[in-house]
């Protein structure tokens, strides 16, 4: 699985996902952190990455027919990086199954 993490997520999460066997990058690896959502979306489509974000604005892109790349929407309030990483790790198997089943919007609570 290839993941692209949105700007508000920590770069350490991308490194952890890579350690777990998933090629992962942070948006800051290729774009400025203030890049518009559509630019990040287009980058993910071009590079065939799954977007991971807390930003509900991506739902608009996904729901208006642009769902050419999967979206993982994190519904998690403010927390430490360690809590965020643990949250993702606990749900990673389920995410992989949902993606394999063709889900394009995965909401994690």
N, C-alpha and C. Protein backbone atom coordinates (compact mmCIF):
# COMPACT_ATOMS: atom_id res chain seq x y z
N UNK A 1 0.84 -1.17 0.00
CA UNK A 1 0.00 0.00 0.00
C UNK A 1 0.89 1.24 0.00
N UNK A 2 0.55 2.23 -0.79
CA UNK A 2 1.26 3.50 -0.83
C UNK A 2 0.36 4.58 -0.22
N UNK A 3 0.89 5.28 0.77
CA UNK A 3 0.12 6.30 1.46
C UNK A 3 0.75 7.67 1.27
N UNK A 4 -0.10 8.69 1.14
CA UNK A 4 0.31 10.09 1.13
C UNK A 4 -0.40 10.78 2.28
N UNK A 5 0.38 11.28 3.23
CA UNK A 5 -0.17 11.93 4.42
C UNK A 5 -0.33 13.42 4.18
N UNK A 6 -1.49 13.92 4.54
CA UNK A 6 -1.80 15.34 4.41
C UNK A 6 -0.92 16.15 5.36
N UNK A 7 -0.87 17.45 5.11
CA UNK A 7 0.05 18.35 5.80
C UNK A 7 -0.13 18.39 7.31
N UNK A 8 -1.36 18.24 7.80
CA UNK A 8 -1.58 18.38 9.25
C UNK A 8 -1.16 17.14 10.02
N UNK A 9 -0.80 16.09 9.34
CA UNK A 9 -0.35 14.87 10.01
C UNK A 9 1.17 14.88 10.16
N UNK A 10 1.69 14.24 11.18
CA UNK A 10 3.14 14.29 11.42
C UNK A 10 3.93 13.42 10.43
N UNK A 11 5.10 13.90 10.06
CA UNK A 11 5.96 13.13 9.15
C UNK A 11 6.38 11.80 9.78
N UNK A 12 6.44 11.75 11.09
CA UNK A 12 6.82 10.51 11.76
C UNK A 12 5.83 9.38 11.46
N UNK A 13 4.58 9.72 11.19
CA UNK A 13 3.60 8.70 10.84
C UNK A 13 3.95 8.07 9.50
N UNK A 14 4.39 8.87 8.55
CA UNK A 14 4.81 8.33 7.25
C UNK A 14 5.98 7.37 7.44
N UNK A 15 6.94 7.75 8.27
CA UNK A 15 8.08 6.87 8.53
C UNK A 15 7.64 5.55 9.19
N UNK A 16 6.69 5.65 10.11
CA UNK A 16 6.22 4.44 10.79
C UNK A 16 5.49 3.51 9.82
N UNK A 17 4.65 4.07 8.96
CA UNK A 17 3.95 3.25 7.97
C UNK A 17 4.94 2.58 7.03
N UNK A 18 6.00 3.28 6.67
CA UNK A 18 7.05 2.70 5.83
C UNK A 18 7.72 1.54 6.56
N UNK A 19 8.01 1.73 7.84
CA UNK A 19 8.59 0.65 8.65
C UNK A 19 7.69 -0.58 8.68
N UNK A 20 6.39 -0.35 8.60
CA UNK A 20 5.42 -1.45 8.63
C UNK A 20 5.21 -2.07 7.24
N UNK A 21 5.97 -1.59 6.25
CA UNK A 21 5.93 -2.19 4.93
C UNK A 21 5.08 -1.48 3.90
N UNK A 22 4.69 -0.25 4.19
CA UNK A 22 3.84 0.51 3.27
C UNK A 22 4.59 1.75 2.81
N UNK A 23 4.90 1.83 1.55
CA UNK A 23 5.59 3.00 1.02
C UNK A 23 4.75 4.23 1.33
N UNK A 24 5.28 5.12 2.13
CA UNK A 24 4.51 6.26 2.61
C UNK A 24 5.33 7.54 2.48
N UNK A 25 4.61 8.62 2.22
CA UNK A 25 5.25 9.92 2.10
C UNK A 25 4.36 10.96 2.75
N UNK A 26 4.97 12.05 3.12
CA UNK A 26 4.25 13.19 3.66
C UNK A 26 4.14 14.20 2.53
N UNK A 27 3.06 14.96 2.49
CA UNK A 27 2.87 15.94 1.42
C UNK A 27 4.09 16.87 1.30
N UNK A 28 4.74 17.15 2.42
CA UNK A 28 5.90 18.05 2.39
C UNK A 28 7.10 17.45 1.65
N UNK A 29 7.05 16.15 1.35
CA UNK A 29 8.12 15.55 0.56
C UNK A 29 8.10 16.03 -0.89
N UNK A 30 6.92 16.47 -1.36
CA UNK A 30 6.79 16.87 -2.76
C UNK A 30 6.18 18.25 -2.98
N UNK A 31 5.41 18.73 -2.03
CA UNK A 31 4.73 20.02 -2.18
C UNK A 31 4.95 20.85 -0.92
N UNK A 32 4.58 22.11 -0.99
CA UNK A 32 4.61 22.93 0.21
C UNK A 32 3.43 22.50 1.10
N UNK A 33 3.57 22.72 2.39
CA UNK A 33 2.52 22.27 3.30
C UNK A 33 1.25 23.11 3.19
N UNK A 34 1.32 24.24 2.47
CA UNK A 34 0.11 25.03 2.25
C UNK A 34 -0.47 24.81 0.85
N UNK A 35 -0.04 23.74 0.20
CA UNK A 35 -0.58 23.42 -1.13
C UNK A 35 -2.08 23.18 -1.02
N UNK A 36 -2.83 23.61 -2.04
CA UNK A 36 -4.28 23.39 -1.98
C UNK A 36 -4.63 21.90 -2.06
N UNK A 37 -5.78 21.59 -1.50
CA UNK A 37 -6.22 20.20 -1.44
C UNK A 37 -6.23 19.54 -2.82
N UNK A 38 -6.69 20.27 -3.85
CA UNK A 38 -6.76 19.65 -5.17
C UNK A 38 -5.38 19.30 -5.71
N UNK A 39 -4.35 20.06 -5.35
CA UNK A 39 -2.99 19.75 -5.78
C UNK A 39 -2.49 18.47 -5.10
N UNK A 40 -2.83 18.33 -3.83
CA UNK A 40 -2.46 17.12 -3.09
C UNK A 40 -3.21 15.92 -3.65
N UNK A 41 -4.49 16.13 -3.94
CA UNK A 41 -5.31 15.06 -4.53
C UNK A 41 -4.70 14.62 -5.86
N UNK A 42 -4.37 15.58 -6.72
CA UNK A 42 -3.81 15.25 -8.02
C UNK A 42 -2.48 14.51 -7.89
N UNK A 43 -1.67 14.90 -6.92
CA UNK A 43 -0.40 14.22 -6.67
C UNK A 43 -0.65 12.77 -6.27
N UNK A 44 -1.60 12.55 -5.40
CA UNK A 44 -1.93 11.19 -4.96
C UNK A 44 -2.41 10.35 -6.14
N UNK A 45 -3.24 10.92 -6.98
CA UNK A 45 -3.73 10.19 -8.16
C UNK A 45 -2.56 9.85 -9.08
N UNK A 46 -1.73 10.83 -9.34
CA UNK A 46 -0.58 10.63 -10.23
C UNK A 46 0.37 9.55 -9.71
N UNK A 47 0.61 9.55 -8.40
CA UNK A 47 1.56 8.61 -7.81
C UNK A 47 0.90 7.33 -7.29
N UNK A 48 -0.42 7.24 -7.45
CA UNK A 48 -1.19 6.07 -7.03
C UNK A 48 -1.05 5.82 -5.52
N UNK A 49 -1.24 6.88 -4.77
CA UNK A 49 -1.19 6.82 -3.31
C UNK A 49 -2.59 6.96 -2.72
N UNK A 50 -2.77 6.36 -1.57
CA UNK A 50 -3.97 6.53 -0.77
C UNK A 50 -3.74 7.73 0.13
N UNK A 51 -4.67 8.68 0.13
CA UNK A 51 -4.53 9.87 0.97
C UNK A 51 -5.00 9.54 2.39
N UNK A 52 -4.21 9.98 3.35
CA UNK A 52 -4.62 9.91 4.76
C UNK A 52 -4.71 11.34 5.26
N UNK A 53 -5.86 11.71 5.81
CA UNK A 53 -6.09 13.09 6.23
C UNK A 53 -7.07 13.16 7.38
N UNK A 54 -7.07 14.29 8.06
CA UNK A 54 -8.10 14.62 9.04
C UNK A 54 -9.05 15.66 8.45
N UNK A 55 -8.76 16.14 7.27
CA UNK A 55 -9.45 17.26 6.64
C UNK A 55 -10.70 16.78 5.89
N UNK A 56 -11.86 17.22 6.34
CA UNK A 56 -13.13 16.84 5.72
C UNK A 56 -13.28 17.40 4.30
N UNK A 57 -12.49 18.39 3.93
CA UNK A 57 -12.58 18.95 2.58
C UNK A 57 -12.31 17.90 1.50
N UNK A 58 -11.51 16.90 1.83
CA UNK A 58 -11.22 15.86 0.84
C UNK A 58 -12.45 15.02 0.52
N UNK A 59 -13.41 14.99 1.44
CA UNK A 59 -14.64 14.26 1.15
C UNK A 59 -15.36 14.85 -0.04
N UNK A 60 -15.31 16.16 -0.16
CA UNK A 60 -15.94 16.83 -1.30
C UNK A 60 -15.30 16.36 -2.60
N UNK A 61 -13.98 16.31 -2.62
CA UNK A 61 -13.28 15.83 -3.82
C UNK A 61 -13.65 14.37 -4.11
N UNK A 62 -13.69 13.56 -3.08
CA UNK A 62 -13.99 12.15 -3.26
C UNK A 62 -15.43 11.91 -3.70
N UNK A 63 -16.35 12.72 -3.19
CA UNK A 63 -17.77 12.49 -3.45
C UNK A 63 -18.26 13.15 -4.73
N UNK A 64 -17.48 14.03 -5.31
CA UNK A 64 -17.94 14.71 -6.53
C UNK A 64 -17.36 14.04 -7.77
N UNK A 65 -17.14 12.76 -7.69
CA UNK A 65 -16.71 12.03 -8.86
C UNK A 65 -15.21 11.98 -9.04
N UNK A 66 -14.47 12.57 -8.14
CA UNK A 66 -13.02 12.57 -8.26
C UNK A 66 -12.41 11.38 -7.53
N UNK A 67 -13.23 10.44 -7.11
CA UNK A 67 -12.74 9.33 -6.28
C UNK A 67 -11.90 8.36 -7.11
N UNK A 68 -10.84 8.88 -7.67
CA UNK A 68 -9.92 8.05 -8.44
C UNK A 68 -8.77 7.57 -7.58
N UNK A 69 -8.77 7.99 -6.35
CA UNK A 69 -7.78 7.51 -5.38
C UNK A 69 -8.51 7.33 -4.04
N UNK A 70 -8.16 6.30 -3.32
CA UNK A 70 -8.83 6.10 -2.02
C UNK A 70 -8.44 7.17 -1.00
N UNK A 71 -9.33 7.35 -0.06
CA UNK A 71 -9.17 8.35 0.98
C UNK A 71 -9.41 7.69 2.34
N UNK A 72 -8.47 7.90 3.25
CA UNK A 72 -8.66 7.48 4.63
C UNK A 72 -8.85 8.75 5.44
N UNK A 73 -10.05 8.88 5.99
CA UNK A 73 -10.41 10.09 6.75
C UNK A 73 -10.35 9.76 8.23
N UNK A 74 -9.43 10.38 8.92
CA UNK A 74 -9.24 10.16 10.35
C UNK A 74 -10.17 11.07 11.13
N UNK A 75 -11.03 10.49 11.93
CA UNK A 75 -11.96 11.24 12.77
C UNK A 75 -11.47 11.14 14.20
N UNK A 76 -10.37 11.80 14.45
CA UNK A 76 -9.68 11.70 15.73
C UNK A 76 -9.32 13.11 16.14
N UNK A 77 -9.65 13.47 17.35
CA UNK A 77 -9.33 14.81 17.84
C UNK A 77 -7.84 14.99 18.06
N UNK A 78 -7.50 16.08 18.70
CA UNK A 78 -6.10 16.34 19.02
C UNK A 78 -5.56 15.23 19.91
N UNK A 79 -4.38 14.77 19.58
CA UNK A 79 -3.74 13.72 20.36
C UNK A 79 -2.24 13.76 20.10
N UNK A 80 -1.52 13.02 20.87
CA UNK A 80 -0.07 12.97 20.68
C UNK A 80 0.26 12.15 19.44
N UNK A 81 1.47 12.31 18.95
CA UNK A 81 1.90 11.51 17.80
C UNK A 81 1.86 10.03 18.13
N UNK A 82 2.26 9.67 19.34
CA UNK A 82 2.24 8.26 19.75
C UNK A 82 0.82 7.71 19.73
N UNK A 83 -0.14 8.50 20.20
CA UNK A 83 -1.55 8.06 20.19
C UNK A 83 -2.06 7.91 18.76
N UNK A 84 -1.68 8.84 17.90
CA UNK A 84 -2.10 8.78 16.50
C UNK A 84 -1.53 7.54 15.82
N UNK A 85 -0.26 7.28 16.02
CA UNK A 85 0.37 6.11 15.42
C UNK A 85 -0.28 4.83 15.93
N UNK A 86 -0.54 4.75 17.22
CA UNK A 86 -1.21 3.57 17.78
C UNK A 86 -2.61 3.41 17.20
N UNK A 87 -3.33 4.51 17.04
CA UNK A 87 -4.68 4.51 16.46
C UNK A 87 -4.65 3.90 15.06
N UNK A 88 -3.70 4.34 14.24
CA UNK A 88 -3.57 3.83 12.87
C UNK A 88 -3.15 2.36 12.88
N UNK A 89 -2.15 2.04 13.67
CA UNK A 89 -1.64 0.66 13.70
C UNK A 89 -2.74 -0.33 14.06
N UNK A 90 -3.60 0.02 15.01
CA UNK A 90 -4.68 -0.88 15.42
C UNK A 90 -5.70 -1.11 14.31
N UNK A 91 -5.78 -0.20 13.38
CA UNK A 91 -6.80 -0.28 12.33
C UNK A 91 -6.22 -0.61 10.96
N UNK A 92 -4.93 -0.79 10.87
CA UNK A 92 -4.27 -0.96 9.57
C UNK A 92 -4.73 -2.21 8.83
N UNK A 93 -4.92 -3.32 9.53
CA UNK A 93 -5.42 -4.53 8.87
C UNK A 93 -6.80 -4.30 8.27
N UNK A 94 -7.68 -3.65 9.03
CA UNK A 94 -9.03 -3.35 8.54
C UNK A 94 -8.97 -2.43 7.32
N UNK A 95 -8.08 -1.45 7.36
CA UNK A 95 -7.91 -0.53 6.23
C UNK A 95 -7.49 -1.30 4.99
N UNK A 96 -6.53 -2.18 5.14
CA UNK A 96 -6.06 -2.97 3.99
C UNK A 96 -7.18 -3.83 3.41
N UNK A 97 -7.99 -4.44 4.27
CA UNK A 97 -9.12 -5.24 3.80
C UNK A 97 -10.14 -4.38 3.06
N UNK A 98 -10.44 -3.20 3.60
CA UNK A 98 -11.41 -2.31 2.96
C UNK A 98 -10.89 -1.84 1.60
N UNK A 99 -9.63 -1.50 1.53
CA UNK A 99 -9.05 -1.07 0.26
C UNK A 99 -9.06 -2.21 -0.76
N UNK A 100 -8.73 -3.41 -0.32
CA UNK A 100 -8.74 -4.57 -1.20
C UNK A 100 -10.15 -4.87 -1.71
N UNK A 101 -11.16 -4.52 -0.90
CA UNK A 101 -12.55 -4.73 -1.30
C UNK A 101 -13.07 -3.62 -2.21
N UNK A 102 -12.23 -2.62 -2.48
CA UNK A 102 -12.63 -1.55 -3.39
C UNK A 102 -13.20 -0.32 -2.74
N UNK A 103 -13.16 -0.25 -1.42
CA UNK A 103 -13.65 0.96 -0.74
C UNK A 103 -12.78 2.15 -1.15
N UNK A 104 -13.43 3.28 -1.39
CA UNK A 104 -12.67 4.47 -1.77
C UNK A 104 -12.67 5.54 -0.69
N UNK A 105 -13.61 5.46 0.25
CA UNK A 105 -13.62 6.37 1.39
C UNK A 105 -13.71 5.52 2.65
N UNK A 106 -12.68 5.59 3.46
CA UNK A 106 -12.63 4.83 4.69
C UNK A 106 -12.55 5.82 5.85
N UNK A 107 -13.55 5.79 6.68
CA UNK A 107 -13.61 6.69 7.83
C UNK A 107 -13.18 5.93 9.07
N UNK A 108 -12.16 6.43 9.73
CA UNK A 108 -11.67 5.80 10.95
C UNK A 108 -12.00 6.65 12.14
N UNK A 109 -12.71 6.07 13.11
CA UNK A 109 -13.09 6.76 14.35
C UNK A 109 -12.40 6.10 15.51
